[in-house]
Amino acid sequence: MSMTALLSVSVILFSVIDMLGNIPVLVSMKKEGLSFTPSVVTAFATGIMIAFLFFGASILGLFGIDISSFALAGSVVMLFIGLEMILGIKLFKEEAGEQASGSIVPIAFPLLAGAGTLTTIISLKAEFDTLSILGGIIINAIIIFILLRSIDWIAAKMTPQTATTLRKVFGILLLAIAIQIAKANI
């Protein structure tokens, strides 16, 4: 594992995970009553990424799912999240009596460890060694955890107008990313 490879993988994953771009999404979800535990989100997202590093293509193959179909399914979920943000509607509803927790779905998967991230991890195996990719995943997990722990502080610094504007802007960006993933995989 070289430092150059580690840095390259870390930057690639950071841009695909887009944790900074997800902050307005997470603030919006939190204000709507969705709770999450930073350590649980980080553990599940990291676990999913590591599992896909070692077993991704095999897991999908076991179910007869190709990477394009997986990416398309993830883009549909992202599309709905983007629509919620822009239109101010609630598409993901909790069952009666269910506590509104989004630690695993939709935050760990597909928002952070989504189809784009998992497909990228599988693709990185063609160019980088497994240890560099694993290191990049761990570095990004640390960043995810720090930012998730800071969400309340970040939300407190945002005015309601700023939060609404950012939610709509990033909702449109999320829709565009979802459409781009869908277009590339149809």
N, C-alpha and C. Protein backbone atom coordinates (compact mmCIF):
# COMPACT_ATOMS: atom_id res chain seq x y z
N MET A 1 0.85 -1.17 0.00
CA MET A 1 0.00 0.00 0.00
C MET A 1 0.90 1.23 0.00
N SER A 2 0.72 2.06 -1.01
CA SER A 2 1.47 3.32 -1.07
C SER A 2 0.60 4.46 -0.57
N MET A 3 1.22 5.52 -0.11
CA MET A 3 0.48 6.69 0.36
C MET A 3 -0.30 7.33 -0.78
N THR A 4 0.26 7.29 -1.98
CA THR A 4 -0.41 7.86 -3.15
C THR A 4 -1.71 7.09 -3.42
N ALA A 5 -1.63 5.77 -3.38
CA ALA A 5 -2.83 4.95 -3.63
C ALA A 5 -3.87 5.18 -2.53
N LEU A 6 -3.42 5.23 -1.28
CA LEU A 6 -4.32 5.46 -0.17
C LEU A 6 -5.02 6.81 -0.30
N LEU A 7 -4.25 7.84 -0.64
CA LEU A 7 -4.81 9.18 -0.81
C LEU A 7 -5.79 9.21 -1.99
N SER A 8 -5.41 8.57 -3.09
CA SER A 8 -6.29 8.54 -4.27
C SER A 8 -7.61 7.86 -3.96
N VAL A 9 -7.56 6.69 -3.34
CA VAL A 9 -8.78 5.95 -3.00
C VAL A 9 -9.62 6.76 -2.03
N SER A 10 -8.99 7.38 -1.03
CA SER A 10 -9.72 8.16 -0.04
C SER A 10 -10.47 9.32 -0.69
N VAL A 11 -9.80 10.02 -1.60
CA VAL A 11 -10.42 11.17 -2.26
C VAL A 11 -11.55 10.71 -3.18
N ILE A 12 -11.34 9.62 -3.91
CA ILE A 12 -12.38 9.10 -4.79
C ILE A 12 -13.62 8.72 -3.97
N LEU A 13 -13.41 7.98 -2.89
CA LEU A 13 -14.55 7.57 -2.06
C LEU A 13 -15.21 8.77 -1.39
N PHE A 14 -14.41 9.73 -0.94
CA PHE A 14 -14.96 10.93 -0.32
C PHE A 14 -15.90 11.66 -1.27
N SER A 15 -15.49 11.76 -2.53
CA SER A 15 -16.32 12.47 -3.51
C SER A 15 -17.58 11.68 -3.85
N VAL A 16 -17.50 10.37 -3.88
CA VAL A 16 -18.68 9.55 -4.20
C VAL A 16 -19.64 9.49 -3.01
N ILE A 17 -19.12 9.32 -1.81
CA ILE A 17 -19.97 9.29 -0.61
C ILE A 17 -20.62 10.65 -0.42
N ASP A 18 -19.90 11.71 -0.73
CA ASP A 18 -20.39 13.09 -0.67
C ASP A 18 -20.97 13.43 0.69
N MET A 19 -20.20 13.18 1.73
CA MET A 19 -20.66 13.45 3.09
C MET A 19 -20.96 14.92 3.31
N LEU A 20 -20.18 15.81 2.73
CA LEU A 20 -20.45 17.24 2.89
C LEU A 20 -21.77 17.61 2.20
N GLY A 21 -22.02 17.03 1.05
CA GLY A 21 -23.28 17.28 0.35
C GLY A 21 -24.47 16.67 1.05
N ASN A 22 -24.22 15.62 1.84
CA ASN A 22 -25.31 14.97 2.57
C ASN A 22 -25.69 15.68 3.86
N ILE A 23 -24.87 16.63 4.31
CA ILE A 23 -25.18 17.34 5.56
C ILE A 23 -26.55 18.00 5.52
N PRO A 24 -26.89 18.77 4.46
CA PRO A 24 -28.24 19.36 4.45
C PRO A 24 -29.35 18.30 4.44
N VAL A 25 -29.10 17.18 3.79
CA VAL A 25 -30.08 16.08 3.77
C VAL A 25 -30.29 15.55 5.19
N LEU A 26 -29.18 15.34 5.89
CA LEU A 26 -29.25 14.80 7.25
C LEU A 26 -29.89 15.79 8.22
N VAL A 27 -29.55 17.08 8.07
CA VAL A 27 -30.16 18.10 8.92
C VAL A 27 -31.66 18.13 8.68
N SER A 28 -32.06 18.06 7.42
CA SER A 28 -33.48 18.05 7.07
C SER A 28 -34.20 16.84 7.67
N MET A 29 -33.60 15.67 7.55
CA MET A 29 -34.20 14.45 8.09
C MET A 29 -34.35 14.55 9.60
N LYS A 30 -33.33 15.10 10.24
CA LYS A 30 -33.35 15.24 11.70
C LYS A 30 -34.46 16.20 12.13
N LYS A 31 -34.62 17.30 11.40
CA LYS A 31 -35.67 18.27 11.73
C LYS A 31 -37.06 17.69 11.51
N GLU A 32 -37.17 16.69 10.63
CA GLU A 32 -38.45 16.04 10.39
C GLU A 32 -38.72 14.93 11.41
N GLY A 33 -37.83 14.76 12.37
CA GLY A 33 -38.06 13.79 13.43
C GLY A 33 -37.35 12.46 13.26
N LEU A 34 -36.56 12.31 12.22
CA LEU A 34 -35.82 11.07 12.01
C LEU A 34 -34.59 11.09 12.91
N SER A 35 -34.45 10.08 13.73
CA SER A 35 -33.29 10.04 14.61
C SER A 35 -32.27 9.04 14.08
N PHE A 36 -31.02 9.26 14.43
CA PHE A 36 -29.98 8.31 14.06
C PHE A 36 -28.86 8.39 15.07
N THR A 37 -28.14 7.31 15.19
CA THR A 37 -27.01 7.23 16.10
C THR A 37 -25.74 7.22 15.25
N PRO A 38 -24.88 8.23 15.40
CA PRO A 38 -23.68 8.33 14.55
C PRO A 38 -22.84 7.05 14.53
N SER A 39 -22.66 6.41 15.68
CA SER A 39 -21.83 5.20 15.70
C SER A 39 -22.49 4.06 14.94
N VAL A 40 -23.83 3.96 15.02
CA VAL A 40 -24.54 2.89 14.30
C VAL A 40 -24.48 3.15 12.80
N VAL A 41 -24.75 4.40 12.40
CA VAL A 41 -24.68 4.75 10.97
C VAL A 41 -23.29 4.45 10.43
N THR A 42 -22.27 4.91 11.14
CA THR A 42 -20.89 4.71 10.69
C THR A 42 -20.54 3.23 10.62
N ALA A 43 -20.92 2.47 11.64
CA ALA A 43 -20.61 1.03 11.66
C ALA A 43 -21.28 0.30 10.51
N PHE A 44 -22.55 0.57 10.28
CA PHE A 44 -23.26 -0.12 9.20
C PHE A 44 -22.74 0.30 7.83
N ALA A 45 -22.55 1.61 7.61
CA ALA A 45 -22.05 2.07 6.32
C ALA A 45 -20.66 1.48 6.05
N THR A 46 -19.80 1.49 7.06
CA THR A 46 -18.45 0.93 6.92
C THR A 46 -18.51 -0.57 6.68
N GLY A 47 -19.36 -1.26 7.44
CA GLY A 47 -19.51 -2.70 7.26
C GLY A 47 -19.98 -3.06 5.87
N ILE A 48 -20.95 -2.30 5.35
CA ILE A 48 -21.45 -2.55 4.00
C ILE A 48 -20.34 -2.34 2.98
N MET A 49 -19.57 -1.25 3.14
CA MET A 49 -18.49 -0.97 2.19
C MET A 49 -17.42 -2.05 2.23
N ILE A 50 -17.04 -2.49 3.42
CA ILE A 50 -16.02 -3.53 3.54
C ILE A 50 -16.53 -4.85 2.99
N ALA A 51 -17.79 -5.18 3.27
CA ALA A 51 -18.36 -6.41 2.72
C ALA A 51 -18.35 -6.37 1.19
N PHE A 52 -18.66 -5.21 0.63
CA PHE A 52 -18.65 -5.11 -0.83
C PHE A 52 -17.24 -5.14 -1.39
N LEU A 53 -16.28 -4.67 -0.64
CA LEU A 53 -14.89 -4.75 -1.08
C LEU A 53 -14.49 -6.21 -1.30
N PHE A 54 -14.85 -7.05 -0.35
CA PHE A 54 -14.44 -8.45 -0.42
C PHE A 54 -15.43 -9.36 -1.14
N PHE A 55 -16.72 -9.07 -1.03
CA PHE A 55 -17.72 -10.01 -1.54
C PHE A 55 -18.75 -9.41 -2.48
N GLY A 56 -18.61 -8.14 -2.85
CA GLY A 56 -19.63 -7.43 -3.62
C GLY A 56 -20.09 -8.12 -4.88
N ALA A 57 -19.16 -8.37 -5.77
CA ALA A 57 -19.53 -9.00 -7.05
C ALA A 57 -20.12 -10.38 -6.82
N SER A 58 -19.57 -11.12 -5.85
CA SER A 58 -20.09 -12.46 -5.55
C SER A 58 -21.49 -12.42 -4.96
N ILE A 59 -21.75 -11.47 -4.05
CA ILE A 59 -23.07 -11.34 -3.43
C ILE A 59 -24.12 -11.03 -4.49
N LEU A 60 -23.81 -10.06 -5.34
CA LEU A 60 -24.76 -9.71 -6.40
C LEU A 60 -24.95 -10.89 -7.36
N GLY A 61 -23.85 -11.55 -7.71
CA GLY A 61 -23.93 -12.70 -8.60
C GLY A 61 -24.73 -13.84 -8.03
N LEU A 62 -24.65 -14.03 -6.72
CA LEU A 62 -25.41 -15.08 -6.04
C LEU A 62 -26.91 -14.91 -6.25
N PHE A 63 -27.34 -13.66 -6.29
CA PHE A 63 -28.77 -13.38 -6.50
C PHE A 63 -29.10 -13.11 -7.96
N GLY A 64 -28.11 -13.25 -8.81
CA GLY A 64 -28.32 -13.02 -10.23
C GLY A 64 -28.53 -11.56 -10.57
N ILE A 65 -27.97 -10.67 -9.75
CA ILE A 65 -28.12 -9.23 -9.94
C ILE A 65 -26.82 -8.69 -10.52
N ASP A 66 -26.92 -7.96 -11.61
CA ASP A 66 -25.71 -7.33 -12.13
C ASP A 66 -25.52 -5.96 -11.47
N ILE A 67 -24.34 -5.42 -11.59
CA ILE A 67 -24.01 -4.16 -10.93
C ILE A 67 -24.90 -3.03 -11.44
N SER A 68 -25.23 -3.04 -12.72
CA SER A 68 -26.09 -1.99 -13.28
C SER A 68 -27.48 -2.00 -12.64
N SER A 69 -28.04 -3.18 -12.43
CA SER A 69 -29.37 -3.27 -11.80
C SER A 69 -29.32 -2.78 -10.36
N PHE A 70 -28.25 -3.13 -9.67
CA PHE A 70 -28.07 -2.69 -8.29
C PHE A 70 -27.97 -1.16 -8.23
N ALA A 71 -27.19 -0.59 -9.13
CA ALA A 71 -27.04 0.87 -9.17
C ALA A 71 -28.36 1.54 -9.50
N LEU A 72 -29.13 0.94 -10.41
CA LEU A 72 -30.43 1.50 -10.79
C LEU A 72 -31.40 1.49 -9.60
N ALA A 73 -31.42 0.40 -8.84
CA ALA A 73 -32.29 0.32 -7.66
C ALA A 73 -31.90 1.38 -6.63
N GLY A 74 -30.62 1.57 -6.40
CA GLY A 74 -30.17 2.60 -5.47
C GLY A 74 -30.54 3.99 -5.95
N SER A 75 -30.51 4.20 -7.26
CA SER A 75 -30.86 5.52 -7.79
C SER A 75 -32.34 5.83 -7.59
N VAL A 76 -33.18 4.80 -7.61
CA VAL A 76 -34.62 5.01 -7.38
C VAL A 76 -34.86 5.50 -5.95
N VAL A 77 -34.19 4.88 -4.98
CA VAL A 77 -34.33 5.30 -3.59
C VAL A 77 -33.84 6.73 -3.43
N MET A 78 -32.70 7.05 -4.05
CA MET A 78 -32.16 8.41 -3.98
C MET A 78 -33.13 9.39 -4.62
N LEU A 79 -33.78 9.00 -5.69
CA LEU A 79 -34.76 9.84 -6.36
C LEU A 79 -35.89 10.21 -5.41
N PHE A 80 -36.40 9.23 -4.68
CA PHE A 80 -37.49 9.49 -3.73
C PHE A 80 -37.05 10.40 -2.59
N ILE A 81 -35.84 10.21 -2.09
CA ILE A 81 -35.32 11.07 -1.03
C ILE A 81 -35.21 12.51 -1.55
N GLY A 82 -34.72 12.67 -2.78
CA GLY A 82 -34.62 13.99 -3.39
C GLY A 82 -35.98 14.65 -3.56
N LEU A 83 -36.98 13.86 -3.97
CA LEU A 83 -38.34 14.40 -4.12
C LEU A 83 -38.90 14.86 -2.77
N GLU A 84 -38.65 14.08 -1.73
CA GLU A 84 -39.08 14.49 -0.38
C GLU A 84 -38.49 15.85 -0.02
N MET A 85 -37.21 16.02 -0.31
CA MET A 85 -36.51 17.25 0.06
C MET A 85 -37.06 18.46 -0.71
N ILE A 86 -37.31 18.28 -1.98
CA ILE A 86 -37.74 19.40 -2.82
C ILE A 86 -39.21 19.74 -2.59
N LEU A 87 -40.05 18.72 -2.55
CA LEU A 87 -41.49 18.95 -2.48
C LEU A 87 -42.02 19.08 -1.06
N GLY A 88 -41.20 18.74 -0.08
CA GLY A 88 -41.66 18.82 1.31
C GLY A 88 -42.72 17.79 1.64
N ILE A 89 -42.68 16.65 0.96
CA ILE A 89 -43.64 15.57 1.22
C ILE A 89 -42.93 14.41 1.89
N LYS A 90 -43.70 13.51 2.46
CA LYS A 90 -43.15 12.36 3.16
C LYS A 90 -43.51 11.10 2.38
N LEU A 91 -42.52 10.47 1.75
CA LEU A 91 -42.75 9.24 1.01
C LEU A 91 -42.42 8.01 1.85
N PHE A 92 -41.36 8.13 2.67
CA PHE A 92 -40.98 7.02 3.55
C PHE A 92 -41.72 7.19 4.86
N LYS A 93 -42.71 6.35 5.08
CA LYS A 93 -43.53 6.45 6.29
C LYS A 93 -43.19 5.31 7.23
N GLU A 94 -43.22 5.63 8.52
CA GLU A 94 -42.97 4.63 9.54
C GLU A 94 -44.26 3.88 9.84
N GLU A 95 -44.13 2.64 10.25
CA GLU A 95 -45.29 1.87 10.69
C GLU A 95 -45.81 2.46 11.99
N ALA A 96 -47.08 2.23 12.27
CA ALA A 96 -47.69 2.75 13.50
C ALA A 96 -46.90 2.25 14.71
N GLY A 97 -46.54 3.17 15.58
CA GLY A 97 -45.82 2.80 16.80
C GLY A 97 -44.33 2.64 16.60
N GLU A 98 -43.86 2.72 15.37
CA GLU A 98 -42.44 2.55 15.09
C GLU A 98 -41.71 3.85 15.35
N GLN A 99 -40.60 3.77 16.04
CA GLN A 99 -39.81 4.98 16.29
C GLN A 99 -39.12 5.36 14.98
N ALA A 100 -39.11 6.63 14.69
CA ALA A 100 -38.52 7.12 13.45
C ALA A 100 -37.00 7.11 13.54
N SER A 101 -36.40 6.00 13.16
CA SER A 101 -34.96 5.89 13.17
C SER A 101 -34.48 5.60 11.76
N GLY A 102 -33.50 6.35 11.34
CA GLY A 102 -32.97 6.17 10.00
C GLY A 102 -31.52 5.78 10.01
N SER A 103 -31.03 5.22 11.12
CA SER A 103 -29.62 4.89 11.23
C SER A 103 -29.16 3.97 10.11
N ILE A 104 -29.96 2.95 9.81
CA ILE A 104 -29.54 2.00 8.78
C ILE A 104 -30.12 2.40 7.42
N VAL A 105 -31.44 2.45 7.33
CA VAL A 105 -32.11 2.87 6.09
C VAL A 105 -32.87 4.14 6.41
N PRO A 106 -32.72 5.21 5.71
CA PRO A 106 -31.99 5.40 4.47
C PRO A 106 -30.60 6.02 4.63
N ILE A 107 -30.09 6.19 5.86
CA ILE A 107 -28.83 6.94 5.99
C ILE A 107 -27.60 6.07 5.67
N ALA A 108 -27.37 4.98 6.43
CA ALA A 108 -26.20 4.15 6.16
C ALA A 108 -26.29 3.59 4.74
N PHE A 109 -27.49 3.12 4.39
CA PHE A 109 -27.75 2.62 3.04
C PHE A 109 -29.11 3.12 2.61
N PRO A 110 -29.26 3.79 1.52
CA PRO A 110 -28.32 4.01 0.42
C PRO A 110 -27.65 5.38 0.39
N LEU A 111 -27.89 6.24 1.39
CA LEU A 111 -27.35 7.59 1.32
C LEU A 111 -25.82 7.60 1.36
N LEU A 112 -25.21 6.91 2.32
CA LEU A 112 -23.76 6.92 2.45
C LEU A 112 -23.10 5.76 1.71
N ALA A 113 -23.52 4.55 2.01
CA ALA A 113 -22.98 3.38 1.33
C ALA A 113 -24.00 2.93 0.29
N GLY A 114 -24.22 3.78 -0.68
CA GLY A 114 -25.23 3.51 -1.70
C GLY A 114 -24.65 2.83 -2.92
N ALA A 115 -25.48 2.74 -3.93
CA ALA A 115 -25.09 2.04 -5.15
C ALA A 115 -23.85 2.65 -5.79
N GLY A 116 -23.76 3.99 -5.79
CA GLY A 116 -22.59 4.63 -6.39
C GLY A 116 -21.32 4.29 -5.64
N THR A 117 -21.40 4.34 -4.31
CA THR A 117 -20.23 4.01 -3.48
C THR A 117 -19.83 2.56 -3.66
N LEU A 118 -20.80 1.66 -3.60
CA LEU A 118 -20.49 0.24 -3.69
C LEU A 118 -19.98 -0.15 -5.07
N THR A 119 -20.56 0.44 -6.09
CA THR A 119 -20.08 0.18 -7.45
C THR A 119 -18.66 0.72 -7.62
N THR A 120 -18.40 1.88 -7.03
CA THR A 120 -17.05 2.46 -7.09
C THR A 120 -16.04 1.56 -6.39
N ILE A 121 -16.41 1.02 -5.24
CA ILE A 121 -15.51 0.12 -4.51
C ILE A 121 -15.15 -1.10 -5.35
N ILE A 122 -16.15 -1.68 -6.00
CA ILE A 122 -15.89 -2.83 -6.86
C ILE A 122 -14.98 -2.42 -8.01
N SER A 123 -15.23 -1.24 -8.58
CA SER A 123 -14.42 -0.75 -9.70
C SER A 123 -12.98 -0.44 -9.29
N LEU A 124 -12.80 0.07 -8.06
CA LEU A 124 -11.45 0.42 -7.58
C LEU A 124 -10.54 -0.81 -7.50
N LYS A 125 -11.13 -1.99 -7.35
CA LYS A 125 -10.33 -3.21 -7.24
C LYS A 125 -9.51 -3.47 -8.51
N ALA A 126 -9.94 -2.91 -9.63
CA ALA A 126 -9.21 -3.10 -10.88
C ALA A 126 -7.93 -2.27 -10.91
N GLU A 127 -7.87 -1.20 -10.11
CA GLU A 127 -6.73 -0.29 -10.19
C GLU A 127 -5.89 -0.23 -8.92
N PHE A 128 -6.49 -0.52 -7.75
CA PHE A 128 -5.78 -0.38 -6.49
C PHE A 128 -5.79 -1.69 -5.71
N ASP A 129 -4.80 -1.81 -4.81
CA ASP A 129 -4.73 -3.01 -3.98
C ASP A 129 -5.79 -2.94 -2.87
N THR A 130 -6.16 -4.10 -2.37
CA THR A 130 -7.22 -4.21 -1.37
C THR A 130 -6.90 -3.42 -0.11
N LEU A 131 -5.66 -3.42 0.32
CA LEU A 131 -5.28 -2.70 1.54
C LEU A 131 -5.47 -1.18 1.37
N SER A 132 -5.16 -0.64 0.21
CA SER A 132 -5.37 0.79 -0.04
C SER A 132 -6.86 1.13 -0.02
N ILE A 133 -7.68 0.27 -0.61
CA ILE A 133 -9.12 0.51 -0.63
C ILE A 133 -9.68 0.42 0.79
N LEU A 134 -9.22 -0.58 1.54
CA LEU A 134 -9.66 -0.73 2.93
C LEU A 134 -9.26 0.51 3.75
N GLY A 135 -8.05 1.00 3.56
CA GLY A 135 -7.60 2.21 4.24
C GLY A 135 -8.46 3.41 3.87
N GLY A 136 -8.80 3.54 2.59
CA GLY A 136 -9.67 4.63 2.14
C GLY A 136 -11.05 4.56 2.76
N ILE A 137 -11.57 3.36 2.91
CA ILE A 137 -12.87 3.17 3.56
C ILE A 137 -12.79 3.61 5.02
N ILE A 138 -11.73 3.21 5.72
CA ILE A 138 -11.57 3.56 7.13
C ILE A 138 -11.43 5.08 7.30
N ILE A 139 -10.64 5.73 6.46
CA ILE A 139 -10.48 7.19 6.53
C ILE A 139 -11.83 7.87 6.35
N ASN A 140 -12.60 7.42 5.37
CA ASN A 140 -13.92 8.01 5.13
C ASN A 140 -14.88 7.71 6.27
N ALA A 141 -14.75 6.56 6.90
CA ALA A 141 -15.60 6.23 8.06
C ALA A 141 -15.35 7.22 9.20
N ILE A 142 -14.09 7.56 9.41
CA ILE A 142 -13.75 8.53 10.46
C ILE A 142 -14.37 9.89 10.14
N ILE A 143 -14.29 10.31 8.89
CA ILE A 143 -14.89 11.59 8.47
C ILE A 143 -16.41 11.55 8.66
N ILE A 144 -17.03 10.45 8.25
CA ILE A 144 -18.48 10.29 8.40
C ILE A 144 -18.87 10.42 9.87
N PHE A 145 -18.16 9.72 10.73
CA PHE A 145 -18.48 9.74 12.16
C PHE A 145 -18.36 11.15 12.74
N ILE A 146 -17.28 11.84 12.41
CA ILE A 146 -17.07 13.19 12.94
C ILE A 146 -18.18 14.12 12.49
N LEU A 147 -18.53 14.07 11.22
CA LEU A 147 -19.58 14.95 10.71
C LEU A 147 -20.95 14.58 11.28
N LEU A 148 -21.24 13.29 11.43
CA LEU A 148 -22.52 12.88 12.02
C LEU A 148 -22.62 13.35 13.47
N ARG A 149 -21.52 13.27 14.20
CA ARG A 149 -21.51 13.74 15.60
C ARG A 149 -21.71 15.26 15.68
N SER A 150 -21.41 15.96 14.60
CA SER A 150 -21.51 17.42 14.58
C SER A 150 -22.81 17.93 13.98
N ILE A 151 -23.71 17.06 13.57
CA ILE A 151 -24.93 17.47 12.88
C ILE A 151 -25.76 18.44 13.71
N ASP A 152 -25.94 18.16 14.99
CA ASP A 152 -26.74 19.07 15.83
C ASP A 152 -26.10 20.46 15.90
N TRP A 153 -24.78 20.51 16.02
CA TRP A 153 -24.07 21.78 16.05
C TRP A 153 -24.23 22.50 14.72
N ILE A 154 -24.07 21.76 13.61
CA ILE A 154 -24.23 22.36 12.28
C ILE A 154 -25.65 22.88 12.10
N ALA A 155 -26.64 22.08 12.51
CA ALA A 155 -28.04 22.47 12.38
C ALA A 155 -28.33 23.72 13.20
N ALA A 156 -27.72 23.83 14.38
CA ALA A 156 -27.94 25.01 15.23
C ALA A 156 -27.37 26.28 14.61
N LYS A 157 -26.34 26.14 13.81
CA LYS A 157 -25.71 27.29 13.17
C LYS A 157 -26.47 27.74 11.92
N MET A 158 -27.37 26.89 11.43
CA MET A 158 -28.13 27.23 10.22
C MET A 158 -29.44 27.93 10.57
N THR A 159 -29.75 28.97 9.84
CA THR A 159 -31.06 29.61 10.02
C THR A 159 -32.10 28.74 9.30
N PRO A 160 -33.37 28.85 9.67
CA PRO A 160 -34.40 28.07 8.98
C PRO A 160 -34.41 28.31 7.47
N GLN A 161 -34.20 29.56 7.06
CA GLN A 161 -34.18 29.86 5.63
C GLN A 161 -33.00 29.19 4.94
N THR A 162 -31.83 29.20 5.58
CA THR A 162 -30.65 28.55 5.02
C THR A 162 -30.89 27.05 4.90
N ALA A 163 -31.45 26.45 5.94
CA ALA A 163 -31.72 25.01 5.92
C ALA A 163 -32.70 24.65 4.80
N THR A 164 -33.76 25.46 4.64
CA THR A 164 -34.75 25.20 3.59
C THR A 164 -34.12 25.34 2.21
N THR A 165 -33.35 26.39 2.03
CA THR A 165 -32.69 26.61 0.73
C THR A 165 -31.73 25.48 0.42
N LEU A 166 -30.87 25.13 1.39
CA LEU A 166 -29.91 24.05 1.17
C LEU A 166 -30.62 22.72 0.92
N ARG A 167 -31.72 22.46 1.66
CA ARG A 167 -32.46 21.22 1.47
C ARG A 167 -32.96 21.12 0.03
N LYS A 168 -33.50 22.20 -0.50
CA LYS A 168 -34.03 22.19 -1.86
C LYS A 168 -32.91 22.09 -2.90
N VAL A 169 -31.83 22.84 -2.70
CA VAL A 169 -30.71 22.80 -3.63
C VAL A 169 -30.10 21.39 -3.66
N PHE A 170 -29.84 20.82 -2.48
CA PHE A 170 -29.25 19.50 -2.45
C PHE A 170 -30.25 18.42 -2.85
N GLY A 171 -31.53 18.69 -2.68
CA GLY A 171 -32.55 17.78 -3.18
C GLY A 171 -32.49 17.69 -4.70
N ILE A 172 -32.32 18.84 -5.35
CA ILE A 172 -32.18 18.86 -6.81
C ILE A 172 -30.90 18.14 -7.23
N LEU A 173 -29.80 18.40 -6.51
CA LEU A 173 -28.55 17.70 -6.82
C LEU A 173 -28.69 16.19 -6.62
N LEU A 174 -29.39 15.79 -5.56
CA LEU A 174 -29.61 14.36 -5.32
C LEU A 174 -30.43 13.75 -6.45
N LEU A 175 -31.46 14.48 -6.91
CA LEU A 175 -32.24 14.01 -8.06
C LEU A 175 -31.36 13.87 -9.29
N ALA A 176 -30.50 14.86 -9.53
CA ALA A 176 -29.61 14.81 -10.69
C ALA A 176 -28.65 13.63 -10.61
N ILE A 177 -28.11 13.37 -9.42
CA ILE A 177 -27.21 12.22 -9.24
C ILE A 177 -27.98 10.93 -9.47
N ALA A 178 -29.20 10.85 -8.94
CA ALA A 178 -30.02 9.64 -9.13
C ALA A 178 -30.31 9.42 -10.61
N ILE A 179 -30.64 10.48 -11.32
CA ILE A 179 -30.94 10.36 -12.76
C ILE A 179 -29.68 9.98 -13.52
N GLN A 180 -28.54 10.55 -13.13
CA GLN A 180 -27.28 10.23 -13.79
C GLN A 180 -26.92 8.75 -13.59
N ILE A 181 -27.10 8.25 -12.36
CA ILE A 181 -26.82 6.83 -12.09
C ILE A 181 -27.78 5.95 -12.90
N ALA A 182 -29.07 6.35 -12.92
CA ALA A 182 -30.06 5.57 -13.68
C ALA A 182 -29.72 5.57 -15.16
N LYS A 183 -29.39 6.75 -15.71
CA LYS A 183 -29.09 6.87 -17.13
C LYS A 183 -27.87 6.03 -17.50
N ALA A 184 -26.86 6.04 -16.63
CA ALA A 184 -25.65 5.27 -16.92
C ALA A 184 -25.85 3.77 -16.83
N ASN A 185 -26.91 3.35 -16.13
CA ASN A 185 -27.08 1.91 -15.89
C ASN A 185 -28.29 1.29 -16.59
N ILE A 186 -28.99 2.09 -17.40
CA ILE A 186 -30.13 1.53 -18.14
C ILE A 186 -29.64 0.91 -19.43
